[in-house]
């Protein structure tokens, strides 16, 4: 039973990578702009137009399209520790990402 729970957790965590890959596909097809999503995707994929449009609508509805420099003052990501730890480590070690984060920001793992 514990093994099933671990498999389910891993499957849920993998949806993060799938969503990031879908967003990158949207960016590459010109549906949206994101200068940094490619840094979060290990295996780029090309999605069909209907999937790209769905990903765009989901992203736009959930987050809204923010102009550069008008991002929210506070951003909190709630996810599995394994997911957020990888993102925090990437932000800390990748200067283009780190330079976008205020020096007083706390990246928690």
Protein backbone atom coordinates (compact mmCIF):
# COMPACT_ATOMS: atom_id res chain seq x y z
CA UNK A 1 0.00 0.00 0.00
CA UNK A 2 2.85 2.40 0.81
CA UNK A 3 4.34 1.70 -2.62
CA UNK A 4 1.07 2.77 -4.30
CA UNK A 5 1.09 5.99 -2.30
CA UNK A 6 4.68 6.70 -3.39
CA UNK A 7 3.75 6.06 -7.05
CA UNK A 8 0.73 8.36 -6.77
CA UNK A 9 2.85 11.09 -5.18
CA UNK A 10 5.47 10.80 -7.92
CA UNK A 11 2.75 10.96 -10.59
CA UNK A 12 1.30 14.12 -9.06
CA UNK A 13 4.77 15.68 -8.82
CA UNK A 14 5.40 14.85 -12.48
CA UNK A 15 2.46 17.05 -13.48
CA UNK A 16 4.70 20.03 -12.62
CA UNK A 17 7.20 19.01 -15.29
CA UNK A 18 4.40 18.37 -17.77
CA UNK A 19 2.90 21.82 -17.15
CA UNK A 20 6.31 23.47 -17.54
CA UNK A 21 6.91 21.61 -20.80
CA UNK A 22 3.48 22.71 -22.05
CA UNK A 23 4.24 26.31 -21.17
CA UNK A 24 7.57 26.11 -23.03
CA UNK A 25 5.74 24.71 -26.05
CA UNK A 26 3.39 27.72 -25.92
CA UNK A 27 6.34 30.09 -25.73
CA UNK A 28 8.10 28.45 -28.68
CA UNK A 29 4.92 28.71 -30.78
CA UNK A 30 4.48 32.38 -29.90
CA UNK A 31 1.36 32.05 -27.74
CA UNK A 32 3.01 33.78 -24.78
CA UNK A 33 6.30 35.28 -23.68
CA UNK A 34 8.45 33.84 -20.91
CA UNK A 35 12.19 34.38 -21.07
CA UNK A 36 12.96 31.87 -18.32
CA UNK A 37 10.70 28.83 -18.70
CA UNK A 38 13.32 27.01 -20.80
CA UNK A 39 15.54 26.95 -17.70
CA UNK A 40 12.97 24.81 -15.87
CA UNK A 41 12.40 22.23 -18.63
CA UNK A 42 14.74 19.28 -19.11
CA UNK A 43 12.98 17.67 -22.06
CA UNK A 44 11.26 20.15 -24.39
CA UNK A 45 8.27 18.82 -26.31
CA UNK A 46 6.07 20.28 -29.01
CA UNK A 47 2.39 20.20 -28.13
CA UNK A 48 -0.55 20.32 -30.51
CA UNK A 49 -2.29 23.67 -31.05
CA UNK A 50 -5.28 22.68 -28.90
CA UNK A 51 -3.00 21.72 -26.00
CA UNK A 52 -1.04 24.96 -26.43
CA UNK A 53 -4.25 27.01 -26.33
CA UNK A 54 -5.46 25.13 -23.27
CA UNK A 55 -2.16 25.70 -21.49
CA UNK A 56 -2.28 29.39 -22.41
CA UNK A 57 -5.82 29.79 -21.09
CA UNK A 58 -4.98 27.94 -17.89
CA UNK A 59 -1.89 30.09 -17.34
CA UNK A 60 -3.65 33.35 -18.20
CA UNK A 61 -6.64 32.54 -16.01
CA UNK A 62 -4.60 31.35 -13.03
CA UNK A 63 -1.86 33.96 -13.07
CA UNK A 64 -2.86 36.72 -15.42
CA UNK A 65 -0.36 38.12 -17.83
CA UNK A 66 1.99 40.35 -15.91
CA UNK A 67 4.03 43.03 -17.62
CA UNK A 68 7.74 43.07 -16.85
CA UNK A 69 8.30 44.94 -13.61
CA UNK A 70 4.70 44.58 -12.45
CA UNK A 71 4.94 41.20 -10.80
CA UNK A 72 3.31 40.70 -7.41
CA UNK A 73 5.29 41.86 -4.39
CA UNK A 74 4.90 38.47 -2.74
CA UNK A 75 4.90 35.11 -4.49
CA UNK A 76 4.31 31.91 -2.59
CA UNK A 77 4.42 28.52 -4.26
CA UNK A 78 2.76 25.67 -2.43
CA UNK A 79 3.77 22.26 -3.70
CA UNK A 80 5.62 19.13 -2.68
CA UNK A 81 8.97 19.84 -1.07
CA UNK A 82 10.70 17.84 -3.82
CA UNK A 83 9.22 20.16 -6.46
CA UNK A 84 9.83 23.49 -4.73
CA UNK A 85 13.34 22.50 -3.62
CA UNK A 86 14.40 21.91 -7.23
CA UNK A 87 12.97 25.26 -8.29
CA UNK A 88 14.57 27.11 -5.37
CA UNK A 89 17.95 25.51 -6.10
CA UNK A 90 17.73 26.52 -9.75
CA UNK A 91 16.81 30.09 -8.86
CA UNK A 92 19.69 30.32 -6.39
CA UNK A 93 22.30 28.98 -8.82
CA UNK A 94 21.17 30.49 -12.13
CA UNK A 95 22.14 34.16 -12.30
CA UNK A 96 19.44 35.22 -14.81
CA UNK A 97 16.84 33.91 -12.36
CA UNK A 98 18.57 35.05 -9.20
CA UNK A 99 18.90 38.57 -10.60
CA UNK A 100 15.10 38.74 -10.92
CA UNK A 101 14.61 38.00 -7.23
CA UNK A 102 14.91 40.82 -4.72
CA UNK A 103 17.97 40.54 -2.47
CA UNK A 104 15.68 40.31 0.56
CA UNK A 105 13.76 37.35 -0.88
CA UNK A 106 13.75 34.09 1.01
CA UNK A 107 13.94 30.93 -1.04
CA UNK A 108 12.82 28.20 1.27
CA UNK A 109 13.43 24.53 0.65
